[in-house]
Amino acid sequence: MPKTTILTLREKKARGERMTFLTAYDYPFAMLEQKAGIDVILVGDSMGMVIFGYNSTLPVTVDLMIPHVKAVRLGAPEVYLIGDMPYMSYQVSIPEAIRNGGRFMAEADCDAVKLEGGREMAHTIRAMVNATIPVMGHMGLTPQSVAQLGGYKAQGRDIEAAKRLIEDAAILEEAGVSSLLLEAIPAEVARIITRRASIPVFGIGAGPHCDGQVLVIHDMLGMFDRTPKFVKKYKEIGAQIVEGLTEFKKEVAEGAFPAAQHCYPMPADVAEELEKLYPPTA
């Protein structure tokens, strides 16, 4: 499998070929996603909620992210890999954004970093791109701004909000983003943004018209009972895991596991000698 680059993604957009984009947070899932031919992997700050059980993405730090991004790169060396810049790793100042973005590129071998925000992030994006850091923009529902948004709600549903999203997409492209992620916005808005953009546009809860579709791997595999409206569960792995764990518990309690085929054999004469040397106690 040849290495997927931003040129690969642009060529697929030009051909009208739909792209696939999933999260991963560790080596095993990354390895499986590459084997399945997924185009793009994001090590998202969603890790805070999915892996660590936090209430939001806000507690995630760059130092927490980097080891996970490294593990994903090892599992999927050929996939286009994006590192998600966590809360306050790029909002404080442009030098701080460049420094932290550079860490994702240099330490974790990312192909790009992702940051949230519309036109207010244009100056930061332009500076990062000038510093040779490829950037994916993220608009619509931006989880790092959930306190300002008043919760995890769809965005761009009235004419003014929709127009602002469309304008913001153009501003971010002009600032130099190499791709866009649209989250939880109406399909009609995403369609306009996608057809106006010369860069790949990916959607999560943004309808069918984007160049590619994004899901959180644990959601689409049914690892959790509760998932967002836009998620399709392709498998119910969570239920299968609980079933396997329950069976394991039962077999251990009954003495059915481990069976003979799960044990390392010993020559009979050696076993007999050991039994003579160490007979059962009364």
Protein backbone atom coordinates (compact mmCIF):
# COMPACT_ATOMS: atom_id res chain seq x y z
CA MET A 1 0.00 0.00 0.00
CA PRO A 2 1.62 3.31 -1.07
CA LYS A 3 1.80 6.15 1.43
CA THR A 4 -1.28 8.37 1.40
CA THR A 5 -0.38 12.06 1.14
CA ILE A 6 -2.33 15.28 0.78
CA LEU A 7 -1.82 14.93 -2.99
CA THR A 8 -3.52 11.53 -2.83
CA LEU A 9 -6.52 13.09 -1.09
CA ARG A 10 -6.71 15.98 -3.55
CA GLU A 11 -6.60 13.57 -6.48
CA LYS A 12 -9.43 11.54 -4.98
CA LYS A 13 -11.50 14.71 -4.55
CA ALA A 14 -10.84 15.65 -8.18
CA ARG A 15 -12.03 12.21 -9.30
CA GLY A 16 -15.11 12.39 -7.08
CA GLU A 17 -13.89 9.38 -5.13
CA ARG A 18 -15.35 9.33 -1.59
CA MET A 19 -12.82 9.01 1.21
CA THR A 20 -12.88 7.31 4.61
CA PHE A 21 -11.63 8.86 7.83
CA LEU A 22 -11.66 7.34 11.32
CA THR A 23 -10.17 8.04 14.71
CA ALA A 24 -7.59 5.77 16.33
CA TYR A 25 -5.80 6.11 19.64
CA ASP A 26 -3.50 3.08 19.77
CA TYR A 27 -1.41 0.63 17.74
CA PRO A 28 -3.95 -2.23 17.32
CA PHE A 29 -6.81 -0.11 15.99
CA ALA A 30 -4.43 1.82 13.72
CA MET A 31 -3.08 -1.43 12.29
CA LEU A 32 -6.60 -2.72 11.59
CA GLU A 33 -7.68 0.55 9.98
CA GLN A 34 -4.71 0.52 7.62
CA LYS A 35 -5.46 -3.13 6.77
CA ALA A 36 -9.05 -2.10 5.92
CA GLY A 37 -7.79 0.64 3.57
CA ILE A 38 -8.98 3.67 5.56
CA ASP A 39 -7.61 6.85 3.94
CA VAL A 40 -7.18 9.14 6.95
CA ILE A 41 -6.70 8.59 10.69
CA LEU A 42 -7.19 11.27 13.29
CA VAL A 43 -5.77 10.87 16.77
CA GLY A 44 -8.47 13.07 18.23
CA ASP A 45 -8.66 14.88 21.51
CA SER A 46 -11.87 12.84 21.74
CA MET A 47 -9.40 10.44 23.34
CA GLY A 48 -10.15 12.26 26.58
CA MET A 49 -13.74 11.00 26.54
CA VAL A 50 -13.33 7.72 24.63
CA ILE A 51 -10.16 6.40 26.28
CA PHE A 52 -9.88 8.24 29.60
CA GLY A 53 -13.55 8.74 30.44
CA TYR A 54 -13.43 12.52 30.91
CA ASN A 55 -16.63 14.57 30.58
CA SER A 56 -15.17 16.60 27.72
CA THR A 57 -12.06 17.00 25.59
CA LEU A 58 -10.78 19.94 27.64
CA PRO A 59 -8.45 18.07 30.06
CA VAL A 60 -6.41 16.60 27.18
CA THR A 61 -2.86 17.96 26.78
CA VAL A 62 -0.17 17.76 24.11
CA ASP A 63 1.94 15.57 26.40
CA LEU A 64 -0.97 13.16 26.72
CA MET A 65 -1.59 13.13 22.97
CA ILE A 66 1.92 12.63 21.62
CA PRO A 67 2.52 9.03 22.84
CA HIS A 68 -0.83 7.95 21.38
CA VAL A 69 -0.05 9.60 18.04
CA LYS A 70 3.31 7.83 17.95
CA ALA A 71 1.61 4.48 18.60
CA VAL A 72 -0.91 5.10 15.82
CA ARG A 73 1.83 6.00 13.36
CA LEU A 74 3.62 2.73 14.14
CA GLY A 75 0.39 0.82 13.50
CA ALA A 76 -0.49 2.69 10.30
CA PRO A 77 2.68 3.96 8.61
CA GLU A 78 1.01 4.39 5.20
CA VAL A 79 -2.17 6.19 6.26
CA TYR A 80 -2.57 9.98 6.22
CA LEU A 81 -2.23 10.81 9.92
CA ILE A 82 -3.62 13.91 11.63
CA GLY A 83 -2.83 14.93 15.20
CA ASP A 84 -5.53 16.86 17.02
CA MET A 85 -4.25 19.94 18.82
CA PRO A 86 -5.92 20.01 22.24
CA TYR A 87 -7.49 22.85 24.16
CA MET A 88 -5.17 25.81 24.80
CA SER A 89 -2.32 24.32 22.75
CA TYR A 90 -2.85 26.87 19.96
CA GLN A 91 -5.24 29.57 21.26
CA VAL A 92 -2.81 31.31 23.64
CA SER A 93 -0.40 32.69 21.03
CA ILE A 94 0.89 32.06 17.54
CA PRO A 95 4.38 31.06 18.77
CA GLU A 96 2.76 28.55 21.13
CA ALA A 97 0.65 27.16 18.30
CA ILE A 98 3.72 26.75 16.08
CA ARG A 99 5.71 25.15 18.88
CA ASN A 100 3.00 22.62 19.72
CA GLY A 101 2.12 21.93 16.10
CA GLY A 102 5.79 21.33 15.42
CA ARG A 103 5.87 18.75 18.21
CA PHE A 104 3.13 16.74 16.51
CA MET A 105 5.04 16.83 13.23
CA ALA A 106 8.55 16.18 14.55
CA GLU A 107 7.91 13.85 17.49
CA ALA A 108 4.92 11.88 16.19
CA ASP A 109 5.48 11.91 12.41
CA CYS A 110 2.07 13.45 11.59
CA ASP A 111 1.05 14.46 8.09
CA ALA A 112 -0.96 17.38 9.47
CA VAL A 113 -2.48 18.80 12.64
CA LYS A 114 -6.09 19.79 13.24
CA LEU A 115 -7.40 22.81 15.09
CA GLU A 116 -10.85 24.18 15.73
CA GLY A 117 -12.34 27.54 14.78
CA GLY A 118 -13.40 29.75 11.93
CA ARG A 119 -12.17 33.14 10.77
CA GLU A 120 -10.77 33.98 14.21
CA MET A 121 -8.11 31.30 13.65
CA ALA A 122 -7.01 32.51 10.21
CA HIS A 123 -3.92 34.39 11.41
CA THR A 124 -2.77 31.43 13.48
CA ILE A 125 -3.33 29.01 10.59
CA ARG A 126 -1.44 31.25 8.18
CA ALA A 127 1.53 31.45 10.56
CA MET A 128 1.56 27.69 11.12
CA VAL A 129 1.42 26.95 7.40
CA ASN A 130 4.25 29.46 6.82
CA ALA A 131 6.19 27.50 9.45
CA THR A 132 5.69 24.33 7.29
CA ILE A 133 2.97 22.79 9.49
CA PRO A 134 0.04 21.48 7.39
CA VAL A 135 -3.29 22.28 9.06
CA MET A 136 -6.78 20.80 8.86
CA GLY A 137 -9.51 23.25 9.84
CA HIS A 138 -12.45 22.13 12.00
CA MET A 139 -15.74 24.07 11.89
CA GLY A 140 -19.34 23.67 12.99
CA LEU A 141 -19.69 21.92 16.32
CA THR A 142 -16.27 22.49 17.89
CA PRO A 143 -16.07 20.47 21.13
CA GLN A 144 -13.36 22.66 22.67
CA SER A 145 -15.86 25.55 22.55
CA VAL A 146 -18.76 23.56 23.97
CA ALA A 147 -19.15 25.93 26.93
CA GLN A 148 -19.62 28.86 24.54
CA LEU A 149 -21.92 26.89 22.26
CA GLY A 150 -24.15 25.84 25.15
CA GLY A 151 -23.67 22.12 24.66
CA TYR A 152 -23.17 19.60 21.90
CA LYS A 153 -25.65 21.08 19.42
CA ALA A 154 -25.81 21.20 15.63
CA GLN A 155 -24.58 24.48 14.14
CA GLY A 156 -25.44 26.57 11.09
CA ARG A 157 -29.20 25.94 11.12
CA ASP A 158 -30.37 29.51 10.46
CA ILE A 159 -29.45 31.65 7.46
CA GLU A 160 -26.96 33.90 9.24
CA ALA A 161 -25.14 31.01 10.94
CA ALA A 162 -25.08 29.07 7.67
CA LYS A 163 -23.66 32.03 5.74
CA ARG A 164 -21.00 32.52 8.40
CA LEU A 165 -19.89 28.88 8.11
CA ILE A 166 -19.68 29.15 4.33
CA GLU A 167 -17.68 32.36 4.60
CA ASP A 168 -15.42 30.89 7.29
CA ALA A 169 -14.63 27.90 5.09
CA ALA A 170 -13.44 30.22 2.32
CA ILE A 171 -11.40 32.29 4.80
CA LEU A 172 -9.68 29.19 6.20
CA GLU A 173 -8.88 27.90 2.72
CA GLU A 174 -7.38 31.27 1.83
CA ALA A 175 -5.36 31.12 5.06
CA GLY A 176 -3.81 27.86 3.88
CA VAL A 177 -5.62 24.88 5.43
CA SER A 178 -4.99 21.72 3.44
CA SER A 179 -8.36 20.17 4.35
CA LEU A 180 -11.54 20.88 6.31
CA LEU A 181 -13.60 18.95 8.85
CA LEU A 182 -17.26 19.92 9.22
CA GLU A 183 -19.03 18.64 12.33
CA ALA A 184 -22.76 18.56 13.06
CA ILE A 185 -24.02 20.99 10.44
CA PRO A 186 -26.91 20.66 7.97
CA ALA A 187 -26.16 18.68 4.82
CA GLU A 188 -27.21 21.65 2.65
CA VAL A 189 -24.51 23.85 4.19
CA ALA A 190 -21.87 21.14 3.88
CA ARG A 191 -22.77 20.64 0.21
CA ILE A 192 -22.18 24.31 -0.58
CA ILE A 193 -18.87 24.38 1.31
CA THR A 194 -17.67 21.17 -0.36
CA ARG A 195 -18.47 22.22 -3.92
CA ARG A 196 -16.87 25.66 -3.41
CA ALA A 197 -13.68 24.29 -1.84
CA SER A 198 -10.65 23.19 -3.83
CA ILE A 199 -9.39 21.23 -0.81
CA PRO A 200 -10.77 17.93 0.58
CA VAL A 201 -13.76 18.43 2.88
CA PHE A 202 -14.68 15.76 5.43
CA GLY A 203 -17.87 15.55 7.42
CA ILE A 204 -18.96 14.06 10.72
CA GLY A 205 -22.68 14.53 11.07
CA ALA A 206 -22.61 16.83 8.03
CA GLY A 207 -24.53 14.79 5.49
CA PRO A 208 -23.60 12.84 2.36
CA HIS A 209 -22.17 15.58 0.16
CA CYS A 210 -18.68 15.93 1.69
CA ASP A 211 -15.64 14.44 -0.01
CA GLY A 212 -15.19 12.00 2.86
CA GLN A 213 -16.92 10.72 5.97
CA VAL A 214 -15.56 10.67 9.53
CA LEU A 215 -16.58 8.60 12.54
CA VAL A 216 -15.13 7.84 15.95
CA ILE A 217 -13.99 4.22 15.75
CA HIS A 218 -15.45 3.22 19.11
CA ASP A 219 -18.85 4.67 18.15
CA MET A 220 -19.15 2.95 14.78
CA LEU A 221 -18.11 -0.41 16.28
CA GLY A 222 -20.70 -0.19 19.04
CA MET A 223 -18.33 0.01 21.97
CA PHE A 224 -20.69 2.34 23.86
CA ASP A 225 -24.42 2.12 24.44
CA ARG A 226 -24.98 5.81 23.79
CA THR A 227 -23.83 7.42 20.53
CA PRO A 228 -24.58 10.67 18.64
CA LYS A 229 -27.49 10.85 16.18
CA PHE A 230 -25.20 10.81 13.13
CA VAL A 231 -23.42 7.57 14.03
CA LYS A 232 -24.21 4.29 12.30
CA LYS A 233 -23.14 1.26 14.32
CA TYR A 234 -21.57 -1.12 11.82
CA LYS A 235 -20.90 -3.74 14.49
CA GLU A 236 -21.84 -4.36 18.12
CA ILE A 237 -18.35 -5.16 19.36
CA GLY A 238 -19.13 -3.93 22.87
CA ALA A 239 -21.80 -6.59 23.35
CA GLN A 240 -19.50 -9.26 21.90
CA ILE A 241 -16.73 -8.26 24.31
CA VAL A 242 -19.05 -8.51 27.32
CA GLU A 243 -20.21 -11.91 26.06
CA GLY A 244 -16.61 -13.13 25.80
CA LEU A 245 -15.68 -11.81 29.23
CA THR A 246 -18.73 -13.44 30.80
CA GLU A 247 -17.89 -16.78 29.18
CA PHE A 248 -14.30 -16.51 30.43
CA LYS A 249 -15.49 -15.83 33.99
CA LYS A 250 -17.85 -18.83 33.86
CA GLU A 251 -15.22 -21.26 32.52
CA VAL A 252 -12.63 -20.22 35.09
CA ALA A 253 -15.16 -20.65 37.91
CA GLU A 254 -16.09 -24.12 36.62
CA GLY A 255 -12.49 -25.21 36.03
CA ALA A 256 -13.09 -25.59 32.28
CA PHE A 257 -10.31 -23.14 31.48
CA PRO A 258 -7.44 -23.68 31.04
CA ALA A 259 -7.91 -27.07 29.37
CA ALA A 260 -5.09 -29.42 28.41
CA GLN A 261 -4.56 -27.74 25.04
CA HIS A 262 -3.81 -24.45 26.80
CA CYS A 263 -1.01 -25.93 28.95
CA TYR A 264 2.68 -26.52 28.17
CA PRO A 265 3.45 -30.26 28.16
CA MET A 266 6.10 -31.94 30.34
CA PRO A 267 7.61 -35.42 29.80
CA ALA A 268 5.75 -37.96 31.91
CA ASP A 269 8.88 -39.22 33.65
CA VAL A 270 9.84 -35.68 34.70
CA ALA A 271 6.34 -35.09 36.03
CA GLU A 272 6.49 -38.33 38.01
CA GLU A 273 9.88 -37.43 39.47
CA LEU A 274 8.63 -34.02 40.54
CA GLU A 275 5.59 -35.61 42.18
CA LYS A 276 7.88 -37.90 44.22
CA LEU A 277 10.10 -35.01 45.27
CA TYR A 278 7.17 -32.76 46.17
CA PRO A 279 4.23 -34.97 47.21
CA PRO A 280 0.86 -33.38 48.06
CA THR A 281 0.62 -32.15 51.59
CA ALA A 282 -1.95 -33.71 53.91
